[in-house]
Amino acid sequence: MRNIKIQKFREKFSEDFYTLNKVWIEESWVLEDSDKKDLLNPRKILEKGGQIFFAVANDNVVGTVAMIFSSKNRFELAKMTVKKDYRGYGIANLLMDRCIQFAKDNLAKEVFLISNDSLKIARILYEKYGFIEVELDSKKYERGNVKMILKLTP
């Protein structure tokens, strides 16, 4: 997948952000109010100090992920998905690399995520990058039953 470029949010990608996430979430769950809040208002993520990245192949969005500002030193990694036909080619790794670099560039000390233990492949990706499971202290997503953090060193 040499022709994959990771790009920051652009208004023309707003619909892709919503659609890609809606598709993967609805494979197993329902779109929750907290999902809609982020997916229908991507500008709010940016305005609060976060960023949304897109994996783009030949002008087509094939993956996306959000870094949502949580506090001065923390970001939530959220809304990561890759189109089914593009899975297994390392696109999630490219998105993850960009997210971690973004967190470091913004002097974050920690990145966290909320997931579900049924997402085995996602869990392997997170562990590969050094995320460790911690006690779940969030009710942001009804489907969320796992919290993982990645400690960043300066």
N, C-alpha and C. Protein backbone atom coordinates (compact mmCIF):
# COMPACT_ATOMS: atom_id res chain seq x y z
N MET A 1 0.83 -1.20 0.00
CA MET A 1 0.00 0.00 0.00
C MET A 1 0.88 1.26 0.00
N ARG A 2 1.72 1.36 -0.97
CA ARG A 2 2.62 2.51 -1.06
C ARG A 2 1.91 3.83 -1.31
N ASN A 3 0.75 3.78 -1.93
CA ASN A 3 0.07 5.02 -2.29
C ASN A 3 -0.81 5.58 -1.18
N ILE A 4 -0.69 5.08 0.02
CA ILE A 4 -1.47 5.58 1.16
C ILE A 4 -0.75 6.79 1.76
N LYS A 5 -1.49 7.87 1.91
CA LYS A 5 -0.97 9.08 2.54
C LYS A 5 -1.84 9.37 3.76
N ILE A 6 -1.19 9.74 4.86
CA ILE A 6 -1.94 10.13 6.06
C ILE A 6 -2.07 11.65 6.03
N GLN A 7 -3.32 12.11 6.06
CA GLN A 7 -3.59 13.54 5.96
C GLN A 7 -4.40 14.01 7.16
N LYS A 8 -4.19 15.26 7.52
CA LYS A 8 -4.99 15.88 8.58
C LYS A 8 -6.39 16.18 8.06
N PHE A 9 -7.26 16.50 8.98
CA PHE A 9 -8.65 16.82 8.66
C PHE A 9 -8.73 17.92 7.60
N ARG A 10 -9.63 17.68 6.67
CA ARG A 10 -10.05 18.69 5.70
C ARG A 10 -11.56 18.57 5.61
N GLU A 11 -12.21 19.68 5.42
CA GLU A 11 -13.67 19.70 5.42
C GLU A 11 -14.26 18.66 4.47
N LYS A 12 -13.60 18.43 3.35
CA LYS A 12 -14.13 17.48 2.37
C LYS A 12 -14.15 16.04 2.89
N PHE A 13 -13.42 15.78 4.01
CA PHE A 13 -13.39 14.44 4.59
C PHE A 13 -14.45 14.22 5.68
N SER A 14 -15.21 15.26 6.01
CA SER A 14 -16.19 15.16 7.12
C SER A 14 -17.15 13.99 6.95
N GLU A 15 -17.71 13.85 5.77
CA GLU A 15 -18.67 12.77 5.54
C GLU A 15 -18.01 11.40 5.65
N ASP A 16 -16.76 11.29 5.18
CA ASP A 16 -16.03 10.02 5.29
C ASP A 16 -15.81 9.64 6.76
N PHE A 17 -15.50 10.63 7.59
CA PHE A 17 -15.30 10.40 9.02
C PHE A 17 -16.55 9.77 9.62
N TYR A 18 -17.69 10.34 9.30
CA TYR A 18 -18.96 9.81 9.80
C TYR A 18 -19.26 8.43 9.23
N THR A 19 -19.21 8.31 7.92
CA THR A 19 -19.64 7.08 7.24
C THR A 19 -18.76 5.88 7.60
N LEU A 20 -17.45 6.04 7.56
CA LEU A 20 -16.56 4.92 7.88
C LEU A 20 -16.81 4.41 9.29
N ASN A 21 -16.96 5.33 10.24
CA ASN A 21 -17.18 4.91 11.62
C ASN A 21 -18.56 4.31 11.82
N LYS A 22 -19.56 4.87 11.19
CA LYS A 22 -20.92 4.32 11.29
C LYS A 22 -20.93 2.87 10.80
N VAL A 23 -20.26 2.61 9.70
CA VAL A 23 -20.23 1.26 9.13
C VAL A 23 -19.61 0.26 10.11
N TRP A 24 -18.43 0.58 10.65
CA TRP A 24 -17.78 -0.42 11.52
C TRP A 24 -18.51 -0.57 12.85
N ILE A 25 -19.02 0.52 13.39
CA ILE A 25 -19.73 0.42 14.67
C ILE A 25 -20.99 -0.42 14.51
N GLU A 26 -21.70 -0.20 13.42
CA GLU A 26 -22.96 -0.91 13.23
C GLU A 26 -22.78 -2.35 12.76
N GLU A 27 -21.52 -2.78 12.57
CA GLU A 27 -21.27 -4.21 12.32
C GLU A 27 -21.64 -5.03 13.55
N SER A 28 -21.49 -4.44 14.74
CA SER A 28 -21.73 -5.18 15.98
C SER A 28 -22.61 -4.45 17.00
N TRP A 29 -22.70 -3.15 16.88
CA TRP A 29 -23.40 -2.35 17.88
C TRP A 29 -24.32 -1.34 17.21
N VAL A 30 -24.84 -0.43 18.01
CA VAL A 30 -25.60 0.70 17.47
C VAL A 30 -24.78 1.97 17.68
N LEU A 31 -24.98 2.93 16.82
CA LEU A 31 -24.33 4.21 16.95
C LEU A 31 -24.90 4.92 18.17
N GLU A 32 -24.04 5.25 19.11
CA GLU A 32 -24.48 5.86 20.36
C GLU A 32 -24.46 7.38 20.25
N ASP A 33 -25.12 8.04 21.19
CA ASP A 33 -25.13 9.51 21.20
C ASP A 33 -23.72 10.08 21.28
N SER A 34 -22.85 9.43 22.08
CA SER A 34 -21.47 9.93 22.19
C SER A 34 -20.73 9.80 20.86
N ASP A 35 -21.05 8.76 20.08
CA ASP A 35 -20.47 8.62 18.74
C ASP A 35 -20.93 9.78 17.86
N LYS A 36 -22.23 9.99 17.85
CA LYS A 36 -22.80 11.03 16.99
C LYS A 36 -22.22 12.40 17.33
N LYS A 37 -22.03 12.65 18.62
CA LYS A 37 -21.49 13.93 19.07
C LYS A 37 -20.15 14.21 18.40
N ASP A 38 -19.29 13.20 18.36
CA ASP A 38 -17.97 13.36 17.74
C ASP A 38 -18.04 13.30 16.22
N LEU A 39 -18.79 12.36 15.69
CA LEU A 39 -18.80 12.11 14.25
C LEU A 39 -19.52 13.19 13.45
N LEU A 40 -20.54 13.78 14.03
CA LEU A 40 -21.28 14.81 13.30
C LEU A 40 -20.70 16.20 13.49
N ASN A 41 -19.76 16.34 14.40
CA ASN A 41 -19.15 17.65 14.68
C ASN A 41 -17.63 17.55 14.73
N PRO A 42 -17.00 17.08 13.65
CA PRO A 42 -15.54 16.91 13.70
C PRO A 42 -14.78 18.19 13.98
N ARG A 43 -15.33 19.33 13.62
CA ARG A 43 -14.66 20.61 13.88
C ARG A 43 -14.46 20.84 15.38
N LYS A 44 -15.38 20.34 16.20
CA LYS A 44 -15.25 20.50 17.66
C LYS A 44 -14.01 19.79 18.18
N ILE A 45 -13.69 18.65 17.58
CA ILE A 45 -12.48 17.93 17.99
C ILE A 45 -11.26 18.79 17.74
N LEU A 46 -11.25 19.45 16.59
CA LEU A 46 -10.13 20.32 16.23
C LEU A 46 -10.08 21.56 17.10
N GLU A 47 -11.23 22.17 17.32
CA GLU A 47 -11.30 23.40 18.10
C GLU A 47 -10.83 23.20 19.54
N LYS A 48 -10.98 21.99 20.05
CA LYS A 48 -10.57 21.71 21.43
C LYS A 48 -9.12 21.24 21.53
N GLY A 49 -8.40 21.24 20.40
CA GLY A 49 -6.99 20.87 20.44
C GLY A 49 -6.67 19.48 19.94
N GLY A 50 -7.65 18.79 19.39
CA GLY A 50 -7.42 17.46 18.85
C GLY A 50 -7.16 17.51 17.36
N GLN A 51 -7.16 16.34 16.75
CA GLN A 51 -6.94 16.24 15.31
C GLN A 51 -7.61 14.97 14.81
N ILE A 52 -7.96 14.97 13.55
CA ILE A 52 -8.50 13.78 12.90
C ILE A 52 -7.60 13.50 11.71
N PHE A 53 -7.18 12.25 11.60
CA PHE A 53 -6.31 11.85 10.50
C PHE A 53 -7.06 10.91 9.57
N PHE A 54 -6.66 10.95 8.31
CA PHE A 54 -7.28 10.14 7.28
C PHE A 54 -6.21 9.42 6.47
N ALA A 55 -6.45 8.15 6.22
CA ALA A 55 -5.62 7.39 5.29
C ALA A 55 -6.29 7.54 3.93
N VAL A 56 -5.53 8.08 2.98
CA VAL A 56 -6.09 8.40 1.67
C VAL A 56 -5.31 7.64 0.60
N ALA A 57 -6.05 6.95 -0.26
CA ALA A 57 -5.48 6.22 -1.39
C ALA A 57 -6.11 6.75 -2.67
N ASN A 58 -5.29 7.33 -3.52
CA ASN A 58 -5.81 7.86 -4.80
C ASN A 58 -7.04 8.73 -4.62
N ASP A 59 -6.96 9.66 -3.68
CA ASP A 59 -8.03 10.62 -3.38
C ASP A 59 -9.26 10.01 -2.73
N ASN A 60 -9.19 8.76 -2.30
CA ASN A 60 -10.29 8.11 -1.59
C ASN A 60 -9.89 7.85 -0.15
N VAL A 61 -10.74 8.24 0.78
CA VAL A 61 -10.48 7.96 2.19
C VAL A 61 -10.73 6.49 2.46
N VAL A 62 -9.72 5.81 3.01
CA VAL A 62 -9.84 4.38 3.30
C VAL A 62 -9.69 4.07 4.78
N GLY A 63 -9.39 5.08 5.58
CA GLY A 63 -9.26 4.88 7.01
C GLY A 63 -9.26 6.21 7.73
N THR A 64 -9.54 6.17 9.01
CA THR A 64 -9.56 7.40 9.79
C THR A 64 -9.34 7.10 11.27
N VAL A 65 -8.95 8.12 12.00
CA VAL A 65 -8.77 8.03 13.45
C VAL A 65 -8.80 9.44 14.02
N ALA A 66 -9.27 9.57 15.25
CA ALA A 66 -9.30 10.87 15.92
C ALA A 66 -8.43 10.85 17.16
N MET A 67 -7.79 11.98 17.40
CA MET A 67 -7.10 12.23 18.65
C MET A 67 -7.89 13.33 19.34
N ILE A 68 -8.60 12.95 20.39
CA ILE A 68 -9.48 13.87 21.09
C ILE A 68 -8.77 14.39 22.34
N PHE A 69 -8.66 15.71 22.43
CA PHE A 69 -8.01 16.33 23.59
C PHE A 69 -8.81 16.00 24.84
N SER A 70 -8.10 15.51 25.86
CA SER A 70 -8.76 15.15 27.11
C SER A 70 -8.36 16.10 28.23
N SER A 71 -7.06 16.35 28.34
CA SER A 71 -6.54 17.29 29.32
C SER A 71 -5.16 17.72 28.85
N LYS A 72 -4.54 18.58 29.59
CA LYS A 72 -3.25 19.16 29.16
C LYS A 72 -2.26 18.12 28.64
N ASN A 73 -2.18 16.99 29.29
CA ASN A 73 -1.17 15.99 28.93
C ASN A 73 -1.76 14.68 28.40
N ARG A 74 -3.05 14.68 28.03
CA ARG A 74 -3.69 13.42 27.62
C ARG A 74 -4.57 13.61 26.38
N PHE A 75 -4.53 12.60 25.54
CA PHE A 75 -5.42 12.53 24.39
C PHE A 75 -6.11 11.18 24.39
N GLU A 76 -7.34 11.16 23.89
CA GLU A 76 -8.04 9.91 23.66
C GLU A 76 -7.90 9.54 22.19
N LEU A 77 -7.42 8.34 21.93
CA LEU A 77 -7.39 7.80 20.59
C LEU A 77 -8.76 7.17 20.36
N ALA A 78 -9.47 7.62 19.33
CA ALA A 78 -10.84 7.18 19.14
C ALA A 78 -11.19 7.14 17.65
N LYS A 79 -12.26 6.44 17.37
CA LYS A 79 -12.83 6.43 16.01
C LYS A 79 -11.84 5.93 14.96
N MET A 80 -11.06 4.92 15.32
CA MET A 80 -10.12 4.34 14.36
C MET A 80 -10.82 3.24 13.57
N THR A 81 -10.76 3.36 12.26
CA THR A 81 -11.31 2.33 11.40
C THR A 81 -10.66 2.39 10.02
N VAL A 82 -10.66 1.24 9.37
CA VAL A 82 -10.15 1.11 8.01
C VAL A 82 -11.23 0.37 7.21
N LYS A 83 -11.48 0.84 5.99
CA LYS A 83 -12.46 0.17 5.12
C LYS A 83 -12.11 -1.31 5.00
N LYS A 84 -13.13 -2.15 4.97
CA LYS A 84 -12.93 -3.60 4.95
C LYS A 84 -11.96 -4.05 3.86
N ASP A 85 -12.11 -3.55 2.66
CA ASP A 85 -11.26 -3.97 1.53
C ASP A 85 -9.80 -3.58 1.70
N TYR A 86 -9.51 -2.70 2.65
CA TYR A 86 -8.15 -2.21 2.85
C TYR A 86 -7.52 -2.72 4.14
N ARG A 87 -8.24 -3.53 4.88
CA ARG A 87 -7.71 -4.07 6.14
C ARG A 87 -6.64 -5.11 5.85
N GLY A 88 -5.66 -5.19 6.74
CA GLY A 88 -4.60 -6.18 6.61
C GLY A 88 -3.40 -5.68 5.82
N TYR A 89 -3.39 -4.42 5.45
CA TYR A 89 -2.28 -3.85 4.67
C TYR A 89 -1.42 -2.87 5.47
N GLY A 90 -1.63 -2.80 6.78
CA GLY A 90 -0.81 -1.93 7.62
C GLY A 90 -1.30 -0.50 7.72
N ILE A 91 -2.49 -0.22 7.24
CA ILE A 91 -3.00 1.14 7.29
C ILE A 91 -3.25 1.59 8.73
N ALA A 92 -3.75 0.69 9.57
CA ALA A 92 -3.96 1.03 10.98
C ALA A 92 -2.63 1.38 11.64
N ASN A 93 -1.56 0.73 11.23
CA ASN A 93 -0.23 1.06 11.78
C ASN A 93 0.18 2.48 11.37
N LEU A 94 -0.08 2.85 10.14
CA LEU A 94 0.25 4.21 9.68
C LEU A 94 -0.55 5.25 10.47
N LEU A 95 -1.83 4.95 10.68
CA LEU A 95 -2.66 5.86 11.47
C LEU A 95 -2.17 5.94 12.91
N MET A 96 -1.84 4.79 13.49
CA MET A 96 -1.36 4.77 14.87
C MET A 96 -0.04 5.54 15.00
N ASP A 97 0.87 5.33 14.06
CA ASP A 97 2.15 6.07 14.10
C ASP A 97 1.91 7.57 14.10
N ARG A 98 0.99 8.02 13.26
CA ARG A 98 0.71 9.45 13.15
C ARG A 98 0.07 9.98 14.44
N CYS A 99 -0.81 9.20 15.04
CA CYS A 99 -1.44 9.61 16.30
C CYS A 99 -0.42 9.75 17.42
N ILE A 100 0.47 8.79 17.52
CA ILE A 100 1.47 8.84 18.58
C ILE A 100 2.41 10.03 18.36
N GLN A 101 2.77 10.27 17.11
CA GLN A 101 3.62 11.43 16.84
C GLN A 101 2.89 12.73 17.17
N PHE A 102 1.61 12.79 16.85
CA PHE A 102 0.80 13.96 17.19
C PHE A 102 0.79 14.18 18.70
N ALA A 103 0.58 13.12 19.46
CA ALA A 103 0.56 13.24 20.92
C ALA A 103 1.91 13.75 21.44
N LYS A 104 2.99 13.20 20.92
CA LYS A 104 4.32 13.65 21.34
C LYS A 104 4.57 15.09 20.96
N ASP A 105 4.18 15.46 19.75
CA ASP A 105 4.35 16.85 19.30
C ASP A 105 3.59 17.82 20.18
N ASN A 106 2.51 17.35 20.78
CA ASN A 106 1.69 18.18 21.67
C ASN A 106 2.01 17.96 23.14
N LEU A 107 3.16 17.36 23.39
CA LEU A 107 3.72 17.17 24.73
C LEU A 107 2.81 16.34 25.65
N ALA A 108 2.05 15.45 25.06
CA ALA A 108 1.21 14.56 25.87
C ALA A 108 2.08 13.54 26.60
N LYS A 109 1.64 13.18 27.77
CA LYS A 109 2.32 12.14 28.54
C LYS A 109 1.60 10.81 28.45
N GLU A 110 0.35 10.87 27.94
CA GLU A 110 -0.44 9.64 27.91
C GLU A 110 -1.48 9.71 26.79
N VAL A 111 -1.70 8.57 26.17
CA VAL A 111 -2.80 8.39 25.22
C VAL A 111 -3.64 7.25 25.78
N PHE A 112 -4.95 7.43 25.81
CA PHE A 112 -5.81 6.36 26.27
C PHE A 112 -6.87 6.06 25.21
N LEU A 113 -7.49 4.91 25.36
CA LEU A 113 -8.57 4.53 24.47
C LEU A 113 -9.57 3.68 25.22
N ILE A 114 -10.79 3.70 24.74
CA ILE A 114 -11.84 2.85 25.27
C ILE A 114 -12.22 1.90 24.14
N SER A 115 -12.25 0.60 24.42
CA SER A 115 -12.52 -0.39 23.39
C SER A 115 -13.48 -1.45 23.94
N ASN A 116 -13.59 -2.52 23.20
CA ASN A 116 -14.41 -3.65 23.62
C ASN A 116 -13.58 -4.91 23.46
N ASP A 117 -13.65 -5.80 24.44
CA ASP A 117 -12.79 -6.99 24.40
C ASP A 117 -13.11 -7.95 23.26
N SER A 118 -14.19 -7.72 22.54
CA SER A 118 -14.49 -8.57 21.37
C SER A 118 -13.67 -8.15 20.15
N LEU A 119 -13.03 -7.00 20.20
CA LEU A 119 -12.24 -6.50 19.07
C LEU A 119 -10.80 -7.01 19.19
N LYS A 120 -10.63 -8.30 18.90
CA LYS A 120 -9.35 -8.99 19.10
C LYS A 120 -8.21 -8.40 18.26
N ILE A 121 -8.47 -8.11 16.98
CA ILE A 121 -7.41 -7.59 16.12
C ILE A 121 -6.98 -6.20 16.56
N ALA A 122 -7.95 -5.39 16.98
CA ALA A 122 -7.62 -4.06 17.49
C ALA A 122 -6.75 -4.18 18.74
N ARG A 123 -7.10 -5.11 19.60
CA ARG A 123 -6.34 -5.32 20.84
C ARG A 123 -4.89 -5.68 20.54
N ILE A 124 -4.67 -6.52 19.54
CA ILE A 124 -3.30 -6.89 19.14
C ILE A 124 -2.54 -5.65 18.69
N LEU A 125 -3.20 -4.80 17.91
CA LEU A 125 -2.57 -3.55 17.46
C LEU A 125 -2.19 -2.67 18.65
N TYR A 126 -3.12 -2.48 19.56
CA TYR A 126 -2.85 -1.61 20.71
C TYR A 126 -1.69 -2.16 21.55
N GLU A 127 -1.69 -3.44 21.80
CA GLU A 127 -0.61 -4.04 22.59
C GLU A 127 0.74 -3.93 21.87
N LYS A 128 0.73 -4.09 20.56
CA LYS A 128 1.95 -3.94 19.76
C LYS A 128 2.58 -2.57 19.98
N TYR A 129 1.75 -1.55 20.17
CA TYR A 129 2.24 -0.19 20.37
C TYR A 129 2.51 0.14 21.84
N GLY A 130 2.29 -0.82 22.71
CA GLY A 130 2.63 -0.61 24.12
C GLY A 130 1.48 -0.19 25.01
N PHE A 131 0.27 -0.19 24.50
CA PHE A 131 -0.88 0.12 25.36
C PHE A 131 -1.07 -1.02 26.35
N ILE A 132 -1.41 -0.66 27.58
CA ILE A 132 -1.70 -1.66 28.60
C ILE A 132 -3.11 -1.41 29.16
N GLU A 133 -3.76 -2.49 29.54
CA GLU A 133 -5.10 -2.37 30.09
C GLU A 133 -5.05 -1.85 31.50
N VAL A 134 -5.96 -0.93 31.80
CA VAL A 134 -6.11 -0.37 33.14
C VAL A 134 -7.58 -0.45 33.52
N GLU A 135 -7.86 -0.08 34.73
CA GLU A 135 -9.25 -0.11 35.20
C GLU A 135 -10.11 0.83 34.37
N LEU A 136 -11.26 0.34 33.96
CA LEU A 136 -12.20 1.15 33.18
C LEU A 136 -12.88 2.15 34.11
N ASP A 137 -12.68 3.43 33.81
CA ASP A 137 -13.28 4.47 34.63
C ASP A 137 -14.10 5.44 33.77
N SER A 138 -14.61 4.92 32.66
CA SER A 138 -15.36 5.74 31.72
C SER A 138 -16.66 5.06 31.33
N LYS A 139 -17.68 5.87 31.16
CA LYS A 139 -18.96 5.37 30.67
C LYS A 139 -19.33 6.10 29.38
N LYS A 140 -18.29 6.59 28.68
CA LYS A 140 -18.52 7.35 27.45
C LYS A 140 -19.26 6.53 26.41
N TYR A 141 -18.90 5.25 26.30
CA TYR A 141 -19.54 4.36 25.33
C TYR A 141 -20.15 3.18 26.05
N GLU A 142 -21.39 2.87 25.75
CA GLU A 142 -22.04 1.70 26.36
C GLU A 142 -21.29 0.42 26.00
N ARG A 143 -20.76 0.35 24.78
CA ARG A 143 -20.06 -0.86 24.32
C ARG A 143 -18.65 -0.96 24.90
N GLY A 144 -18.15 0.13 25.46
CA GLY A 144 -16.78 0.16 25.97
C GLY A 144 -16.64 -0.62 27.27
N ASN A 145 -15.85 -1.69 27.23
CA ASN A 145 -15.62 -2.46 28.46
C ASN A 145 -14.14 -2.64 28.75
N VAL A 146 -13.28 -1.95 27.99
CA VAL A 146 -11.83 -2.03 28.18
C VAL A 146 -11.25 -0.63 28.02
N LYS A 147 -10.37 -0.28 28.93
CA LYS A 147 -9.60 0.97 28.80
C LYS A 147 -8.13 0.60 28.75
N MET A 148 -7.43 1.24 27.84
CA MET A 148 -5.99 0.99 27.70
C MET A 148 -5.28 2.34 27.64
N ILE A 149 -4.06 2.36 28.17
CA ILE A 149 -3.26 3.57 28.12
C ILE A 149 -1.87 3.29 27.55
N LEU A 150 -1.32 4.32 26.95
CA LEU A 150 0.05 4.30 26.48
C LEU A 150 0.76 5.47 27.14
N LYS A 151 1.75 5.16 27.95
CA LYS A 151 2.57 6.19 28.59
C LYS A 151 3.63 6.63 27.60
N LEU A 152 3.74 7.93 27.40
CA LEU A 152 4.74 8.48 26.49
C LEU A 152 5.88 9.07 27.31
N THR A 153 7.08 8.84 26.85
CA THR A 153 8.23 9.41 27.53
C THR A 153 8.73 10.60 26.71
N PRO A 154 9.24 11.61 27.41
CA PRO A 154 9.69 12.83 26.69
C PRO A 154 10.87 12.54 25.77
